[in-house]
Amino acid sequence: MTGKSKLAFWTITLIILFGLLSIVGYMMINEYQEEIVYQNLTPNGYEDIKTNKNTTLLTYEKNKKYGIMDYNGNLIEDALYEFNDILYGYDNYYRVFTSDNKILIKRNGKLVKDITNNEDKYILLKDETDKDSEYIIYITSDNSFATTKIKDDTYIANIFDNDKYTAKILDVKEGIVNELDGFIGKVNNRNSALEKYLIQIIEDKVNLLSIYDYSVLLEGYSKIGDEENIAGYEYCGSINNDNYITVCKDNKCGIVNSSDEVLLPLDYEEVKMVEQVEPLYFAVSKNGKYGIVNFNNEEAVEFIYDNVGSYNNTFILEKDNQLLITDNKLNKQLQIQLKSNDNVEYSIYNDEYIKILIHDMSNAGTPSKIIIIDQDNNIKEYKYEEFIDINNNEGKMSKDYYATYNIKNNEVYIDVYDGLSIKKSFTIIQINEITNMYLDAISSSELLLKMKTSNGDYYTILNIDTGNIVINDAVKKINVRNMDNSDFIVDIEDSNLIYYKSDLISKVLEENVINSIKVTDETYIITKLDNTVYLYKIARR
């Protein structure tokens, strides 16, 4: 190839490369700046639109009567009913009362069964016009649907009968509903809840059954789990850690696993709930006093205390209005004088740290002090009035974060902690006097700071990962709507801004967002303008 040919070749190659890079860059920018589109699915509007749990149907209000629509805005039922006449089940089944006093089970606007004079205890239903529809069970005793489907043809029904809640396990065999007496046992795997077991009570003896095949795992105890197994409670026999299950028999308690292997002999009056995934010690009581034992049932702390707790190699001991935090060698690390009415509460968060909260019971249980102990047994004290748990919309802890704050000269200094390590620090400056503040988690990485000031409420969004601060001045009200772990919507009453996936989008709705929901991969919002309510669908393009 000649020199000129080489020059021409490389020139053309570079032009092509730059062209490709330009296209890729444009596509990246286009992806980043994609437009949010709002589609009004109910252009005529209604007086109200309500979402319903376990169904993809909505209840709408028109002329003070209620009807049913889907998430495309299509009317399933005209507005003919009183709102309390509509009872929803899963898979889009619902029950309505008609003007001629009939009780009908319907699905997507079609009649499934007239149950007006049906006196069967359980009514098995199926939409025969839809081969993909599931069986559903209606319970006539308290006019409800079986609340949870465990697996194919197996359901849990929470029934209120004779002033008591009873959890029934219902099996469908050859079109017949069979009832298995039992109570729901919940296994809380740290911050999640997975139903794996049934608590069954027969002649005052408590058994633990597998929820999958009803095989008996533990049998003949007087108590299984961390709550009393008493008939009359909707949920009882809660199990916090299924590798370490507290059990009692003949007024003595110990610990077994789900295979009924004894991990701690039944020698004690009380065994405290095991919160850690892999505990090193157990807090137990004997002769009215508390102590701590290890896996070999050897005494690590003698039974002389009013209350005890353990976390890794740290012991928390209460005796004679003294709170002693010590290591497993009983070398004193921290000692606090308690008042006679103080109550000490322990909470372990994801095995990352333990929070000790001291309540002043002489002052309506007002918290006075917080102590944090991390995995390495480091200890730090905080003033309660300068400590904030970071919770999401449902009141659950967001990751393992908490924060401390200090207000000085209209400036807020916030440290966000992961354990005892500061993950991110923020400084927010306000021109007005700040009288109160608190934090909510909008997503796994973003916080909403709410500040009450002498001139109204102010709101700030803080990003824990990046440290970015978005401040919205002069707003009066803000609502946060979680979609899932990453999507959220924030609507602000005065300026009507909406945040979506952490970005301030260009589209501004004049309506006030009153509700939002995510169904499969689609996001919907319910808005209100001039006393008329609309359903919008959010899309990206």
Protein backbone atom coordinates (compact mmCIF):
# COMPACT_ATOMS: atom_id res chain seq x y z
CA MET A 1 0.00 0.00 0.00
CA THR A 2 1.43 3.38 -1.01
CA GLY A 3 1.83 6.26 1.41
CA LYS A 4 -1.14 8.08 -0.09
CA SER A 5 -3.21 4.91 0.07
CA LYS A 6 -2.28 4.42 3.73
CA LEU A 7 -3.18 8.02 4.51
CA ALA A 8 -6.52 7.66 2.75
CA PHE A 9 -7.21 4.35 4.52
CA TRP A 10 -6.52 5.72 8.00
CA THR A 11 -8.40 8.92 7.26
CA ILE A 12 -11.49 6.96 6.25
CA THR A 13 -11.05 4.62 9.27
CA LEU A 14 -10.83 7.55 11.69
CA ILE A 15 -13.88 9.18 10.13
CA ILE A 16 -15.83 5.95 10.58
CA LEU A 17 -14.60 5.57 14.17
CA PHE A 18 -15.51 9.16 15.07
CA GLY A 19 -18.86 8.63 13.40
CA LEU A 20 -19.49 5.49 15.46
CA LEU A 21 -18.38 7.23 18.65
CA SER A 22 -20.68 10.11 17.87
CA ILE A 23 -23.58 7.73 17.39
CA VAL A 24 -22.78 5.86 20.62
CA GLY A 25 -22.37 9.13 22.49
CA TYR A 26 -25.64 10.41 21.14
CA MET A 27 -27.37 7.19 22.12
CA MET A 28 -25.93 7.43 25.65
CA ILE A 29 -27.01 11.04 25.99
CA ASN A 30 -30.39 10.16 24.53
CA GLU A 31 -30.74 7.32 27.03
CA TYR A 32 -29.80 9.61 29.93
CA GLN A 33 -32.16 12.35 28.83
CA GLU A 34 -35.08 10.11 27.91
CA GLU A 35 -38.45 11.78 28.17
CA ILE A 36 -41.04 10.83 30.74
CA VAL A 37 -44.49 10.57 29.18
CA TYR A 38 -47.74 10.70 31.11
CA GLN A 39 -50.76 9.06 29.54
CA ASN A 40 -54.14 9.97 31.02
CA LEU A 41 -56.14 6.72 31.08
CA THR A 42 -59.29 8.35 32.49
CA PRO A 43 -59.78 11.62 30.55
CA ASN A 44 -63.27 12.20 31.98
CA GLY A 45 -62.11 11.74 35.57
CA TYR A 46 -63.93 10.46 38.65
CA GLU A 47 -64.66 11.54 42.21
CA ASP A 48 -62.16 9.02 43.56
CA ILE A 49 -60.01 6.07 42.46
CA LYS A 50 -58.74 3.50 44.99
CA THR A 51 -56.17 0.74 44.61
CA ASN A 52 -56.77 -2.73 46.06
CA LYS A 53 -54.30 -5.21 47.47
CA ASN A 54 -53.84 -8.59 45.70
CA THR A 55 -55.65 -7.49 42.55
CA THR A 56 -55.02 -5.47 39.41
CA LEU A 57 -58.47 -3.89 39.61
CA LEU A 58 -59.30 -0.38 40.81
CA THR A 59 -62.41 0.94 42.53
CA TYR A 60 -63.71 4.24 41.15
CA GLU A 61 -66.38 6.56 42.56
CA LYS A 62 -69.00 8.29 40.43
CA ASN A 63 -72.07 10.06 41.76
CA LYS A 64 -71.38 8.59 45.22
CA LYS A 65 -71.58 5.05 43.88
CA TYR A 66 -68.69 2.70 43.17
CA GLY A 67 -67.64 0.64 40.18
CA ILE A 68 -64.57 -1.29 39.01
CA MET A 69 -61.98 -0.52 36.33
CA ASP A 70 -58.66 -2.01 35.24
CA TYR A 71 -55.30 -0.30 34.91
CA ASN A 72 -55.95 0.58 31.29
CA GLY A 73 -58.89 2.72 32.36
CA ASN A 74 -61.41 0.22 30.97
CA LEU A 75 -64.64 -0.04 32.97
CA ILE A 76 -65.22 -3.54 34.34
CA GLU A 77 -68.36 -2.68 36.35
CA ASP A 78 -70.53 0.42 36.19
CA ALA A 79 -70.83 2.54 39.33
CA LEU A 80 -73.72 0.61 40.90
CA TYR A 81 -72.45 -0.42 44.32
CA GLU A 82 -71.85 0.89 47.80
CA PHE A 83 -68.09 0.80 48.41
CA ASN A 84 -68.40 -1.66 51.30
CA ASP A 85 -70.31 -3.98 48.98
CA ILE A 86 -67.14 -4.72 46.97
CA LEU A 87 -64.78 -7.28 48.51
CA TYR A 88 -61.67 -8.21 46.53
CA GLY A 89 -59.77 -11.50 46.41
CA TYR A 90 -56.69 -12.42 44.43
CA ASP A 91 -56.63 -13.18 40.68
CA ASN A 92 -59.26 -10.42 40.10
CA TYR A 93 -62.14 -12.17 41.88
CA TYR A 94 -64.53 -10.02 43.89
CA ARG A 95 -67.86 -10.23 45.70
CA VAL A 96 -70.71 -7.75 45.28
CA PHE A 97 -74.26 -7.30 46.61
CA THR A 98 -76.94 -6.44 44.07
CA SER A 99 -79.96 -4.20 44.50
CA ASP A 100 -82.20 -7.30 44.73
CA ASN A 101 -80.15 -8.67 47.66
CA LYS A 102 -78.19 -11.26 45.74
CA ILE A 103 -74.59 -12.13 46.67
CA LEU A 104 -72.50 -12.66 43.55
CA ILE A 105 -68.89 -13.73 43.02
CA LYS A 106 -67.57 -12.13 39.84
CA ARG A 107 -64.28 -11.92 37.99
CA ASN A 108 -63.40 -9.22 35.48
CA GLY A 109 -67.06 -8.29 35.13
CA LYS A 110 -68.30 -11.85 34.54
CA LEU A 111 -70.47 -13.87 36.91
CA VAL A 112 -68.65 -16.82 38.45
CA LYS A 113 -71.24 -17.98 40.99
CA ASP A 114 -74.40 -16.83 42.76
CA ILE A 115 -73.84 -17.71 46.43
CA THR A 116 -76.96 -16.00 47.83
CA ASN A 117 -78.38 -19.07 49.59
CA ASN A 118 -75.23 -21.18 49.74
CA GLU A 119 -74.61 -22.35 53.31
CA ASP A 120 -71.41 -24.34 52.64
CA LYS A 121 -68.58 -23.39 54.98
CA TYR A 122 -66.13 -23.07 52.08
CA ILE A 123 -67.15 -22.39 48.48
CA LEU A 124 -64.64 -23.42 45.80
CA LEU A 125 -64.77 -21.10 42.80
CA LYS A 126 -63.26 -21.06 39.32
CA ASP A 127 -63.80 -18.89 36.27
CA GLU A 128 -64.68 -21.58 33.73
CA THR A 129 -64.42 -19.10 30.84
CA ASP A 130 -60.70 -18.64 31.50
CA LYS A 131 -58.58 -21.79 31.48
CA ASP A 132 -55.69 -19.93 33.12
CA SER A 133 -57.73 -18.72 36.09
CA GLU A 134 -56.97 -20.16 39.53
CA TYR A 135 -59.24 -21.74 42.07
CA ILE A 136 -60.27 -19.37 44.82
CA ILE A 137 -62.05 -20.16 48.09
CA TYR A 138 -64.82 -18.05 49.58
CA ILE A 139 -65.49 -18.42 53.34
CA THR A 140 -69.15 -17.95 54.21
CA SER A 141 -68.73 -17.73 58.00
CA ASP A 142 -67.14 -14.27 57.83
CA ASN A 143 -67.74 -13.32 54.18
CA SER A 144 -64.11 -13.33 53.07
CA PHE A 145 -61.70 -14.96 50.66
CA ALA A 146 -58.86 -17.29 51.68
CA THR A 147 -56.11 -14.76 52.22
CA THR A 148 -52.93 -16.47 50.99
CA LYS A 149 -52.18 -19.12 48.40
CA ILE A 150 -49.27 -21.22 49.69
CA LYS A 151 -48.85 -23.44 46.64
CA ASP A 152 -51.04 -25.12 44.03
CA ASP A 153 -54.37 -26.01 45.62
CA THR A 154 -53.27 -25.07 49.17
CA TYR A 155 -54.51 -21.91 50.90
CA ILE A 156 -54.37 -20.14 54.25
CA ALA A 157 -57.60 -18.65 55.56
CA ASN A 158 -57.67 -16.32 58.58
CA ILE A 159 -61.16 -16.80 59.99
CA PHE A 160 -62.79 -14.71 62.72
CA ASP A 161 -65.18 -17.02 64.52
CA ASN A 162 -66.61 -16.86 68.08
CA ASP A 163 -64.59 -13.72 68.84
CA LYS A 164 -61.31 -15.48 67.94
CA TYR A 165 -59.01 -15.49 64.94
CA THR A 166 -58.16 -18.95 63.70
CA ALA A 167 -55.80 -19.70 60.85
CA LYS A 168 -57.01 -22.63 58.74
CA ILE A 169 -55.04 -24.49 56.10
CA LEU A 170 -57.32 -25.45 53.21
CA ASP A 171 -56.43 -28.18 50.73
CA VAL A 172 -58.31 -28.70 47.47
CA LYS A 173 -58.52 -32.36 46.48
CA GLU A 174 -60.71 -33.42 43.52
CA GLY A 175 -62.85 -30.31 43.80
CA ILE A 176 -63.42 -30.65 47.57
CA VAL A 177 -62.04 -28.26 50.20
CA ASN A 178 -60.39 -30.09 53.10
CA GLU A 179 -59.54 -28.30 56.32
CA LEU A 180 -56.33 -28.82 58.27
CA ASP A 181 -56.36 -27.25 61.71
CA GLY A 182 -53.29 -25.22 62.51
CA PHE A 183 -51.75 -21.85 63.02
CA ILE A 184 -49.37 -19.99 60.82
CA GLY A 185 -45.75 -20.02 61.96
CA LYS A 186 -43.66 -17.23 60.45
CA VAL A 187 -39.93 -17.55 59.92
CA ASN A 188 -38.35 -14.12 59.88
CA ASN A 189 -35.07 -14.35 58.01
CA ARG A 190 -33.64 -11.10 59.33
CA ASN A 191 -35.60 -8.34 57.53
CA SER A 192 -37.80 -10.60 55.41
CA ALA A 193 -40.66 -12.92 56.31
CA LEU A 194 -40.92 -16.34 54.70
CA GLU A 195 -43.76 -18.65 55.68
CA LYS A 196 -42.30 -22.15 55.89
CA TYR A 197 -44.04 -23.79 58.81
CA LEU A 198 -47.41 -24.45 60.39
CA ILE A 199 -47.97 -24.38 64.11
CA GLN A 200 -50.51 -27.06 64.99
CA ILE A 201 -52.16 -27.42 68.40
CA ILE A 202 -53.69 -30.78 69.36
CA GLU A 203 -54.89 -31.37 72.92
CA ASP A 204 -52.75 -28.51 74.26
CA LYS A 205 -49.63 -29.90 72.59
CA VAL A 206 -47.88 -27.84 69.93
CA ASN A 207 -46.38 -29.32 66.76
CA LEU A 208 -44.33 -27.74 63.99
CA LEU A 209 -45.26 -28.89 60.47
CA SER A 210 -43.72 -28.24 57.10
CA ILE A 211 -45.99 -25.96 55.11
CA TYR A 212 -45.06 -27.83 51.93
CA ASP A 213 -45.97 -31.42 52.74
CA TYR A 214 -47.41 -31.19 56.29
CA SER A 215 -44.70 -33.49 57.64
CA VAL A 216 -44.24 -33.14 61.42
CA LEU A 217 -40.87 -31.58 62.29
CA LEU A 218 -41.31 -30.86 66.01
CA GLU A 219 -43.92 -32.61 68.14
CA GLY A 220 -45.36 -32.54 71.63
CA TYR A 221 -44.08 -29.20 72.97
CA SER A 222 -46.08 -26.72 75.04
CA LYS A 223 -44.58 -23.80 73.15
CA ILE A 224 -42.70 -23.44 69.86
CA GLY A 225 -41.23 -20.15 68.72
CA ASP A 226 -41.02 -16.69 70.15
CA GLU A 227 -44.72 -15.95 70.73
CA GLU A 228 -47.30 -17.76 72.79
CA ASN A 229 -49.12 -20.53 70.90
CA ILE A 230 -52.60 -19.54 72.03
CA ALA A 231 -55.75 -20.18 70.03
CA GLY A 232 -57.43 -16.90 69.26
CA TYR A 233 -54.53 -15.03 67.69
CA GLU A 234 -54.24 -14.55 63.95
CA TYR A 235 -50.48 -15.12 63.95
CA CYS A 236 -48.76 -17.03 66.72
CA GLY A 237 -45.71 -19.17 67.10
CA SER A 238 -43.45 -16.70 65.31
CA ILE A 239 -39.96 -18.10 64.69
CA ASN A 240 -37.18 -15.57 64.30
CA ASN A 241 -34.39 -17.98 63.33
CA ASP A 242 -35.29 -21.48 62.16
CA ASN A 243 -31.81 -22.80 63.00
CA TYR A 244 -32.38 -21.80 66.66
CA ILE A 245 -36.00 -22.36 67.68
CA THR A 246 -37.02 -21.71 71.28
CA VAL A 247 -39.22 -24.50 72.65
CA CYS A 248 -40.80 -25.30 76.03
CA LYS A 249 -42.07 -28.52 77.61
CA ASP A 250 -43.18 -29.15 81.20
CA ASN A 251 -42.40 -25.52 82.12
CA LYS A 252 -38.77 -25.82 80.98
CA CYS A 253 -37.33 -24.17 77.88
CA GLY A 254 -34.39 -24.69 75.54
CA ILE A 255 -33.40 -24.44 71.88
CA VAL A 256 -33.72 -26.92 69.01
CA ASN A 257 -33.38 -26.65 65.23
CA SER A 258 -36.05 -27.55 62.67
CA SER A 259 -34.80 -31.18 62.68
CA ASP A 260 -35.53 -31.38 66.43
CA GLU A 261 -31.87 -31.62 67.34
CA VAL A 262 -31.34 -30.18 70.82
CA LEU A 263 -28.90 -27.26 70.76
CA LEU A 264 -29.55 -26.11 74.32
CA PRO A 265 -31.14 -28.50 76.85
CA LEU A 266 -34.62 -27.69 78.18
CA ASP A 267 -33.28 -26.61 81.59
CA TYR A 268 -34.45 -22.99 81.82
CA GLU A 269 -37.50 -20.95 82.78
CA GLU A 270 -37.04 -18.68 79.76
CA VAL A 271 -34.83 -18.59 76.68
CA LYS A 272 -34.72 -15.23 74.94
CA MET A 273 -35.43 -14.95 71.23
CA VAL A 274 -32.37 -15.62 69.07
CA GLU A 275 -31.94 -12.62 66.79
CA GLN A 276 -28.47 -13.25 65.37
CA VAL A 277 -27.91 -15.52 62.38
CA GLU A 278 -25.04 -17.32 64.15
CA PRO A 279 -25.21 -16.61 67.91
CA LEU A 280 -22.29 -17.34 70.21
CA TYR A 281 -24.27 -17.23 73.47
CA PHE A 282 -27.83 -17.59 74.72
CA ALA A 283 -29.61 -15.36 77.26
CA VAL A 284 -31.61 -17.54 79.68
CA SER A 285 -33.24 -17.41 83.12
CA LYS A 286 -33.21 -19.72 86.12
CA ASN A 287 -34.84 -19.22 89.54
CA GLY A 288 -36.09 -15.80 88.49
CA LYS A 289 -32.64 -14.47 87.55
CA TYR A 290 -30.92 -14.12 84.18
CA GLY A 291 -27.55 -15.38 83.01
CA ILE A 292 -25.75 -16.28 79.78
CA VAL A 293 -24.65 -19.73 78.61
CA ASN A 294 -22.65 -20.93 75.60
CA PHE A 295 -23.29 -23.75 73.14
CA ASN A 296 -21.89 -26.30 75.56
CA ASN A 297 -24.46 -25.18 78.13
CA GLU A 298 -21.62 -23.77 80.20
CA GLU A 299 -22.26 -20.72 82.34
CA ALA A 300 -20.60 -17.64 80.81
CA VAL A 301 -22.39 -15.16 83.10
CA GLU A 302 -23.74 -16.28 86.46
CA PHE A 303 -27.48 -16.14 87.19
CA ILE A 304 -27.57 -13.01 89.36
CA TYR A 305 -28.92 -10.38 86.93
CA ASP A 306 -32.32 -8.74 86.46
CA ASN A 307 -31.92 -8.86 82.68
CA VAL A 308 -29.20 -9.81 80.21
CA GLY A 309 -28.47 -9.65 76.50
CA SER A 310 -25.63 -10.82 74.26
CA TYR A 311 -24.22 -9.75 70.91
CA ASN A 312 -21.14 -11.49 69.51
CA ASN A 313 -18.63 -11.32 72.37
CA THR A 314 -20.36 -8.45 74.16
CA PHE A 315 -22.66 -8.93 77.16
CA ILE A 316 -25.26 -6.38 78.32
CA LEU A 317 -26.04 -6.93 82.01
CA GLU A 318 -28.61 -5.20 84.25
CA LYS A 319 -28.52 -5.42 88.03
CA ASP A 320 -29.58 -3.06 90.83
CA ASN A 321 -30.18 -0.15 88.43
CA GLN A 322 -26.76 -0.56 86.85
CA LEU A 323 -26.28 -1.25 83.13
CA LEU A 324 -22.95 -2.94 82.49
CA ILE A 325 -21.65 -3.50 78.95
CA THR A 326 -18.70 -5.88 79.05
CA ASP A 327 -16.75 -8.33 76.92
CA ASN A 328 -16.95 -12.09 77.34
CA LYS A 329 -14.02 -11.96 79.76
CA LEU A 330 -16.14 -9.65 81.95
CA ASN A 331 -13.73 -6.76 81.52
CA LYS A 332 -15.86 -3.67 82.09
CA GLN A 333 -16.18 -1.44 79.02
CA LEU A 334 -19.10 0.83 79.96
CA GLN A 335 -21.21 1.26 83.07
CA ILE A 336 -24.35 3.43 83.21
CA GLN A 337 -26.40 4.34 86.26
CA LEU A 338 -30.08 3.69 85.54
CA LYS A 339 -33.06 5.25 87.27
CA SER A 340 -35.43 2.91 89.07
CA ASN A 341 -38.06 3.31 86.34
CA ASP A 342 -35.72 2.98 83.34
CA ASN A 343 -36.45 0.27 80.80
CA VAL A 344 -33.68 -1.10 78.55
CA GLU A 345 -34.59 -2.30 75.05
CA TYR A 346 -32.26 -4.23 72.72
CA SER A 347 -32.52 -4.45 68.92
CA ILE A 348 -30.10 -6.22 66.56
CA TYR A 349 -29.96 -4.94 62.97
CA ASN A 350 -28.89 -7.47 60.34
CA ASP A 351 -26.08 -8.73 62.59
CA GLU A 352 -24.27 -5.45 61.79
CA TYR A 353 -24.86 -3.73 65.11
CA ILE A 354 -27.00 -3.75 68.22
CA LYS A 355 -28.91 -0.70 69.41
CA ILE A 356 -29.60 -0.29 73.12
CA LEU A 357 -32.41 2.17 73.85
CA ILE A 358 -33.01 3.37 77.41
CA HIS A 359 -36.58 4.51 78.17
CA ASP A 360 -37.50 6.73 81.11
CA MET A 361 -40.71 5.03 82.28
CA SER A 362 -41.34 7.76 84.87
CA ASN A 363 -41.74 10.15 81.92
CA ALA A 364 -44.20 8.19 79.75
CA GLY A 365 -41.42 5.96 78.43
CA THR A 366 -39.52 8.84 76.83
CA PRO A 367 -36.22 7.55 75.34
CA SER A 368 -33.21 9.23 76.94
CA LYS A 369 -30.09 7.53 75.61
CA ILE A 370 -28.98 5.34 72.70
CA ILE A 371 -25.93 3.06 72.66
CA ILE A 372 -24.62 1.39 69.49
CA ILE A 373 -22.31 -1.66 69.56
CA ASP A 374 -20.82 -2.89 66.27
CA GLN A 375 -19.52 -6.32 65.23
CA ASP A 376 -16.07 -5.56 66.61
CA ASN A 377 -17.58 -4.71 70.01
CA ASN A 378 -16.87 -1.00 69.64
CA ILE A 379 -19.29 1.12 71.67
CA LYS A 380 -20.64 4.61 71.10
CA GLU A 381 -23.26 6.65 72.99
CA TYR A 382 -25.65 9.15 71.43
CA LYS A 383 -28.21 11.61 72.72
CA TYR A 384 -31.65 10.39 71.76
CA GLU A 385 -32.74 13.83 70.56
CA GLU A 386 -29.84 13.87 68.05
CA PHE A 387 -30.29 10.32 66.73
CA ILE A 388 -32.47 9.27 63.79
CA ASP A 389 -33.29 5.78 62.55
CA ILE A 390 -33.54 5.80 58.77
CA ASN A 391 -36.74 3.99 57.81
CA ASN A 392 -38.45 3.44 54.50
CA ASN A 393 -42.14 4.17 53.85
CA GLU A 394 -43.25 0.97 55.55
CA GLY A 395 -41.37 1.75 58.74
CA LYS A 396 -38.62 -0.80 58.08
CA MET A 397 -34.96 -0.05 58.49
CA SER A 398 -33.25 1.04 55.27
CA LYS A 399 -30.16 -1.19 55.02
CA ASP A 400 -28.28 -0.73 58.31
CA TYR A 401 -28.23 3.04 58.27
CA TYR A 402 -28.92 5.49 61.04
CA ALA A 403 -27.90 9.11 61.41
CA THR A 404 -26.93 11.65 64.01
CA TYR A 405 -27.48 15.36 63.60
CA ASN A 406 -26.70 18.66 65.21
CA ILE A 407 -28.41 22.01 64.60
CA LYS A 408 -26.37 25.15 65.14
CA ASN A 409 -27.04 28.67 63.87
CA ASN A 410 -29.65 27.46 61.34
CA GLU A 411 -27.23 24.90 59.95
CA VAL A 412 -27.89 21.16 60.09
CA TYR A 413 -24.93 18.78 60.29
CA ILE A 414 -25.87 15.18 59.47
CA ASP A 415 -23.65 12.09 59.69
CA VAL A 416 -25.05 8.92 58.13
CA TYR A 417 -23.61 5.78 59.74
CA ASP A 418 -23.14 2.20 58.59
CA GLY A 419 -22.46 0.47 61.91
CA LEU A 420 -20.12 2.86 63.72
CA SER A 421 -18.50 4.11 60.51
CA ILE A 422 -19.62 7.39 58.97
CA LYS A 423 -20.72 6.64 55.41
CA LYS A 424 -21.54 10.21 54.37
CA SER A 425 -21.76 13.66 55.97
CA PHE A 426 -24.03 16.52 54.93
CA THR A 427 -24.32 20.20 55.83
CA ILE A 428 -27.63 21.97 55.07
CA ILE A 429 -27.93 25.73 55.56
CA GLN A 430 -31.30 27.35 56.22
CA ILE A 431 -32.13 31.04 56.53
CA ASN A 432 -34.96 30.28 58.99
CA GLU A 433 -34.77 28.94 62.52
CA ILE A 434 -35.04 25.14 62.48
CA THR A 435 -37.31 23.77 65.22
CA ASN A 436 -37.50 20.08 64.33
CA MET A 437 -36.37 17.59 61.69
CA TYR A 438 -36.47 13.92 60.74
CA LEU A 439 -35.30 11.61 57.94
CA ASP A 440 -37.12 9.08 55.76
CA ALA A 441 -35.59 6.66 53.25
CA ILE A 442 -36.99 7.22 49.77
CA SER A 443 -34.90 4.42 48.28
CA SER A 444 -31.97 2.26 49.33
CA SER A 445 -29.57 5.17 48.79
CA GLU A 446 -31.61 8.38 49.13
CA LEU A 447 -33.01 10.17 52.14
CA LEU A 448 -35.71 12.76 52.48
CA LEU A 449 -34.91 15.34 55.17
CA LYS A 450 -37.95 17.14 56.56
CA MET A 451 -37.27 20.36 58.47
CA LYS A 452 -39.78 22.38 60.44
CA THR A 453 -38.77 26.02 60.59
CA SER A 454 -40.11 29.30 61.87
CA ASN A 455 -41.29 29.98 58.31
CA GLY A 456 -42.89 26.64 57.44
CA ASP A 457 -41.65 23.24 56.31
CA TYR A 458 -38.64 22.65 54.05
CA TYR A 459 -37.48 19.46 52.37
CA THR A 460 -34.13 18.22 51.13
CA ILE A 461 -33.20 15.04 49.27
CA LEU A 462 -29.83 13.55 50.27
CA ASN A 463 -28.02 10.90 48.23
CA ILE A 464 -26.02 8.63 50.57
CA ASP A 465 -23.86 7.20 47.77
CA THR A 466 -22.90 10.42 45.96
CA GLY A 467 -23.31 12.99 48.72
CA ASN A 468 -25.47 15.14 46.41
CA ILE A 469 -28.07 17.47 47.96
CA VAL A 470 -31.23 18.65 46.19
CA ILE A 471 -32.95 21.46 48.10
CA ASN A 472 -36.51 22.57 47.40
CA ASP A 473 -37.30 25.86 49.09
CA ALA A 474 -40.77 27.17 49.87
CA VAL A 475 -42.76 23.97 49.64
CA LYS A 476 -45.56 23.14 52.05
CA LYS A 477 -46.20 19.44 51.71
CA ILE A 478 -44.40 16.44 50.30
CA ASN A 479 -45.43 12.82 49.80
CA VAL A 480 -43.09 9.93 49.01
CA ARG A 481 -44.32 6.88 47.10
CA ASN A 482 -42.04 3.85 46.93
CA MET A 483 -42.38 1.78 43.76
CA ASP A 484 -39.73 -0.82 44.54
CA ASN A 485 -36.11 -0.74 45.65
CA SER A 486 -35.09 1.76 42.98
CA ASP A 487 -38.18 3.61 41.73
CA PHE A 488 -39.92 6.29 43.71
CA ILE A 489 -42.10 9.31 43.17
CA VAL A 490 -42.10 12.47 45.24
CA ASP A 491 -44.91 14.97 44.78
CA ILE A 492 -44.82 18.45 46.27
CA GLU A 493 -48.12 20.17 46.89
CA ASP A 494 -47.26 23.73 45.87
CA SER A 495 -44.82 23.34 42.99
CA ASN A 496 -46.14 19.94 41.82
CA LEU A 497 -42.69 18.60 41.00
CA ILE A 498 -42.28 14.86 40.62
CA TYR A 499 -39.01 12.99 41.16
CA TYR A 500 -38.72 9.67 39.37
CA LYS A 501 -35.65 7.43 39.68
CA SER A 502 -33.80 10.23 41.49
CA ASP A 503 -33.92 12.62 38.51
CA LEU A 504 -35.91 15.85 38.43
CA ILE A 505 -37.87 15.34 35.23
CA SER A 506 -38.94 18.09 32.87
CA LYS A 507 -42.58 17.08 32.78
CA VAL A 508 -44.60 18.96 35.43
CA LEU A 509 -48.14 17.93 36.33
CA GLU A 510 -50.50 20.56 37.66
CA GLU A 511 -52.50 17.90 39.45
CA ASN A 512 -51.72 16.77 43.00
CA VAL A 513 -50.53 13.16 43.11
CA ILE A 514 -52.61 11.37 45.70
CA ASN A 515 -51.46 7.77 45.13
CA SER A 516 -49.09 5.71 43.04
CA ILE A 517 -48.56 2.02 42.43
CA LYS A 518 -46.38 -0.29 40.37
CA VAL A 519 -48.10 -3.23 38.66
CA THR A 520 -45.63 -5.67 37.07
CA ASP A 521 -43.31 -3.35 35.12
CA GLU A 522 -45.79 -0.49 34.72
CA THR A 523 -46.01 2.55 36.97
CA TYR A 524 -49.32 4.36 37.57
CA ILE A 525 -50.23 7.48 39.49
CA ILE A 526 -53.60 8.74 40.68
CA THR A 527 -53.96 12.51 40.54
CA LYS A 528 -56.56 15.06 41.56
CA LEU A 529 -57.39 18.38 39.89
CA ASP A 530 -60.40 20.55 40.71
CA ASN A 531 -61.99 17.72 42.75
CA THR A 532 -61.72 15.33 39.79
CA VAL A 533 -59.50 12.24 40.04
CA TYR A 534 -57.57 10.76 37.08
CA LEU A 535 -55.47 7.66 36.46
CA TYR A 536 -52.15 8.24 34.66
CA LYS A 537 -49.64 5.76 33.28
CA ILE A 538 -45.95 6.71 33.36
CA ALA A 539 -43.82 5.64 30.39
CA ARG A 540 -40.30 6.46 29.18
CA ARG A 541 -39.27 7.12 25.62
